[in-house]
Amino acid sequence: MAIIVLVAIWVVIGVLMTALADSIWKGRRPIGVSGDYIVSILAAILTGLGDWYLLPLINIDGPVKFAAAVIEPAIVALIVLWAVRFFKKGALSSSARMPTRKAPSDENSLWQKLPG
């Protein structure tokens, strides 16, 4: 029963982080509104599940485990949303590194400007 409550908490965290990301990055949504919600909710759930089941393996239990299972999914959801915006907008694409050049038209040709 506790895991169902935690999954519901992680879904709410994902929704809140999507709303926060929209206010931070002012409507830049390269994968759309629904894509942002899906990515954020999945990131929060997967991170939360990882925390919930892996932290006891390294002897972290009790309130610290619960706090980590709530705070870390929020941070990871924001990082994933930032990464989607960074990589999807072409921050590292070839067009961002090297501007394209327009072919000269006939009237602006260098050969027509030379005398003789």
C-alpha atoms as a PDB file:
ATOM      1  CA  MET A   1       0.000   0.000   0.000  1.00  0.00           C
ATOM      2  CA  ALA A   2       2.862   2.399   0.778  1.00  0.00           C
ATOM      3  CA  ILE A   3       4.323   2.059  -2.707  1.00  0.00           C
ATOM      4  CA  ILE A   4       1.011   3.126  -4.283  1.00  0.00           C
ATOM      5  CA  VAL A   5       1.016   6.286  -2.162  1.00  0.00           C
ATOM      6  CA  LEU A   6       4.631   6.946  -3.109  1.00  0.00           C
ATOM      7  CA  VAL A   7       3.918   6.510  -6.835  1.00  0.00           C
ATOM      8  CA  ALA A   8       1.056   8.993  -6.471  1.00  0.00           C
ATOM      9  CA  ILE A   9       3.450  11.407  -4.727  1.00  0.00           C
ATOM     10  CA  TRP A  10       5.987  10.978  -7.549  1.00  0.00           C
ATOM     11  CA  VAL A  11       3.314  11.668 -10.176  1.00  0.00           C
ATOM     12  CA  VAL A  12       2.394  14.879  -8.350  1.00  0.00           C
ATOM     13  CA  ILE A  13       6.091  15.791  -8.131  1.00  0.00           C
ATOM     14  CA  GLY A  14       6.441  15.231 -11.892  1.00  0.00           C
ATOM     15  CA  VAL A  15       3.455  17.458 -12.617  1.00  0.00           C
ATOM     16  CA  LEU A  16       4.733  20.196 -10.296  1.00  0.00           C
ATOM     17  CA  MET A  17       8.226  20.076 -11.804  1.00  0.00           C
ATOM     18  CA  THR A  18       6.757  20.430 -15.291  1.00  0.00           C
ATOM     19  CA  ALA A  19       4.851  23.524 -14.184  1.00  0.00           C
ATOM     20  CA  LEU A  20       7.995  24.890 -12.535  1.00  0.00           C
ATOM     21  CA  ALA A  21      10.046  24.178 -15.661  1.00  0.00           C
ATOM     22  CA  ASP A  22       7.553  26.117 -17.763  1.00  0.00           C
ATOM     23  CA  SER A  23       7.937  29.144 -15.514  1.00  0.00           C
ATOM     24  CA  ILE A  24      11.738  28.830 -15.579  1.00  0.00           C
ATOM     25  CA  TRP A  25      12.137  28.349 -19.334  1.00  0.00           C
ATOM     26  CA  LYS A  26       9.169  30.507 -20.414  1.00  0.00           C
ATOM     27  CA  GLY A  27       7.226  28.181 -22.699  1.00  0.00           C
ATOM     28  CA  ARG A  28      10.139  26.533 -24.528  1.00  0.00           C
ATOM     29  CA  ARG A  29       8.658  23.083 -25.026  1.00  0.00           C
ATOM     30  CA  PRO A  30      10.376  21.287 -27.901  1.00  0.00           C
ATOM     31  CA  ILE A  31       8.453  18.053 -27.313  1.00  0.00           C
ATOM     32  CA  GLY A  32       5.142  19.713 -26.464  1.00  0.00           C
ATOM     33  CA  VAL A  33       3.120  20.018 -23.285  1.00  0.00           C
ATOM     34  CA  SER A  34       2.151  16.364 -23.038  1.00  0.00           C
ATOM     35  CA  GLY A  35       5.717  15.283 -23.811  1.00  0.00           C
ATOM     36  CA  ASP A  36       7.032  17.433 -20.963  1.00  0.00           C
ATOM     37  CA  TYR A  37       4.520  15.927 -18.537  1.00  0.00           C
ATOM     38  CA  ILE A  38       5.294  12.369 -19.638  1.00  0.00           C
ATOM     39  CA  VAL A  39       9.069  12.843 -19.404  1.00  0.00           C
ATOM     40  CA  SER A  40       8.884  14.556 -16.024  1.00  0.00           C
ATOM     41  CA  ILE A  41       6.508  12.004 -14.490  1.00  0.00           C
ATOM     42  CA  LEU A  42       8.562   9.064 -15.785  1.00  0.00           C
ATOM     43  CA  ALA A  43      11.791  10.619 -14.498  1.00  0.00           C
ATOM     44  CA  ALA A  44      10.249  11.205 -11.065  1.00  0.00           C
ATOM     45  CA  ILE A  45       8.771   7.694 -10.820  1.00  0.00           C
ATOM     46  CA  LEU A  46      11.924   5.903 -11.984  1.00  0.00           C
ATOM     47  CA  THR A  47      14.173   7.960  -9.708  1.00  0.00           C
ATOM     48  CA  GLY A  48      11.818   7.503  -6.776  1.00  0.00           C
ATOM     49  CA  LEU A  49      11.617   3.746  -7.283  1.00  0.00           C
ATOM     50  CA  GLY A  50      15.375   3.557  -7.550  1.00  0.00           C
ATOM     51  CA  ASP A  51      15.772   5.480  -4.321  1.00  0.00           C
ATOM     52  CA  TRP A  52      13.121   3.491  -2.510  1.00  0.00           C
ATOM     53  CA  TYR A  53      14.646   0.120  -3.320  1.00  0.00           C
ATOM     54  CA  LEU A  54      18.369   0.935  -3.559  1.00  0.00           C
ATOM     55  CA  LEU A  55      18.865   3.157  -0.515  1.00  0.00           C
ATOM     56  CA  PRO A  56      18.158   0.316   1.980  1.00  0.00           C
ATOM     57  CA  LEU A  57      20.960  -1.653   0.317  1.00  0.00           C
ATOM     58  CA  ILE A  58      23.433   0.957   1.560  1.00  0.00           C
ATOM     59  CA  ASN A  59      21.788   1.129   5.018  1.00  0.00           C
ATOM     60  CA  ILE A  60      19.851   4.354   4.497  1.00  0.00           C
ATOM     61  CA  ASP A  61      16.425   3.914   6.047  1.00  0.00           C
ATOM     62  CA  GLY A  62      13.640   5.739   7.836  1.00  0.00           C
ATOM     63  CA  PRO A  63      12.993   9.452   7.350  1.00  0.00           C
ATOM     64  CA  VAL A  64      16.192   9.989   5.362  1.00  0.00           C
ATOM     65  CA  LYS A  65      15.077   7.360   2.840  1.00  0.00           C
ATOM     66  CA  PHE A  66      11.652   9.002   2.540  1.00  0.00           C
ATOM     67  CA  ALA A  67      13.152  12.478   2.170  1.00  0.00           C
ATOM     68  CA  ALA A  68      15.561  11.258  -0.504  1.00  0.00           C
ATOM     69  CA  ALA A  69      12.734   9.470  -2.307  1.00  0.00           C
ATOM     70  CA  VAL A  70      10.791  12.753  -2.458  1.00  0.00           C
ATOM     71  CA  ILE A  71      13.494  15.382  -3.024  1.00  0.00           C
ATOM     72  CA  GLU A  72      15.720  13.584  -5.520  1.00  0.00           C
ATOM     73  CA  PRO A  73      12.917  12.791  -8.039  1.00  0.00           C
ATOM     74  CA  ALA A  74      12.061  16.493  -8.118  1.00  0.00           C
ATOM     75  CA  ILE A  75      15.644  17.466  -8.880  1.00  0.00           C
ATOM     76  CA  VAL A  76      16.078  14.723 -11.483  1.00  0.00           C
ATOM     77  CA  ALA A  77      12.803  15.674 -13.208  1.00  0.00           C
ATOM     78  CA  LEU A  78      14.030  19.263 -13.600  1.00  0.00           C
ATOM     79  CA  ILE A  79      17.414  18.107 -14.888  1.00  0.00           C
ATOM     80  CA  VAL A  80      15.765  15.801 -17.437  1.00  0.00           C
ATOM     81  CA  LEU A  81      13.448  18.582 -18.629  1.00  0.00           C
ATOM     82  CA  TRP A  82      16.437  20.899 -19.012  1.00  0.00           C
ATOM     83  CA  ALA A  83      18.321  18.217 -20.955  1.00  0.00           C
ATOM     84  CA  VAL A  84      15.363  17.711 -23.300  1.00  0.00           C
ATOM     85  CA  ARG A  85      15.256  21.441 -24.008  1.00  0.00           C
ATOM     86  CA  PHE A  86      19.025  21.660 -24.415  1.00  0.00           C
ATOM     87  CA  PHE A  87      19.437  18.755 -26.818  1.00  0.00           C
ATOM     88  CA  LYS A  88      16.116  18.985 -28.673  1.00  0.00           C
ATOM     89  CA  LYS A  89      16.479  22.676 -29.519  1.00  0.00           C
ATOM     90  CA  GLY A  90      19.686  21.989 -31.398  1.00  0.00           C
ATOM     91  CA  ALA A  91      22.145  23.343 -28.898  1.00  0.00           C
ATOM     92  CA  LEU A  92      24.669  20.798 -30.115  1.00  0.00           C
ATOM     93  CA  SER A  93      23.366  20.291 -33.625  1.00  0.00           C
ATOM     94  CA  SER A  94      25.471  21.098 -36.668  1.00  0.00           C
ATOM     95  CA  SER A  95      23.355  24.138 -37.510  1.00  0.00           C
ATOM     96  CA  ALA A  96      24.124  25.665 -34.109  1.00  0.00           C
ATOM     97  CA  ARG A  97      27.874  25.201 -34.504  1.00  0.00           C
ATOM     98  CA  MET A  98      28.237  26.287 -38.094  1.00  0.00           C
ATOM     99  CA  PRO A  99      25.867  28.787 -39.728  1.00  0.00           C
ATOM    100  CA  THR A 100      24.644  27.931 -43.166  1.00  0.00           C
ATOM    101  CA  ARG A 101      25.671  30.190 -46.019  1.00  0.00           C
ATOM    102  CA  LYS A 102      23.280  31.375 -48.649  1.00  0.00           C
ATOM    103  CA  ALA A 103      24.390  30.954 -52.241  1.00  0.00           C
ATOM    104  CA  PRO A 104      25.042  34.297 -53.959  1.00  0.00           C
ATOM    105  CA  SER A 105      22.453  35.355 -56.476  1.00  0.00           C
ATOM    106  CA  ASP A 106      23.383  36.322 -60.022  1.00  0.00           C
ATOM    107  CA  GLU A 107      23.018  40.074 -59.527  1.00  0.00           C
ATOM    108  CA  ASN A 108      25.381  40.089 -56.555  1.00  0.00           C
ATOM    109  CA  SER A 109      27.996  37.939 -58.207  1.00  0.00           C
ATOM    110  CA  LEU A 110      31.632  38.883 -57.779  1.00  0.00           C
ATOM    111  CA  TRP A 111      32.234  38.540 -61.525  1.00  0.00           C
ATOM    112  CA  GLN A 112      29.716  41.275 -62.303  1.00  0.00           C
ATOM    113  CA  LYS A 113      31.331  43.695 -59.841  1.00  0.00           C
ATOM    114  CA  LEU A 114      34.826  43.427 -61.348  1.00  0.00           C
ATOM    115  CA  PRO A 115      35.718  46.100 -63.905  1.00  0.00           C
ATOM    116  CA  GLY A 116      36.554  45.188 -67.443  1.00  0.00           C
END
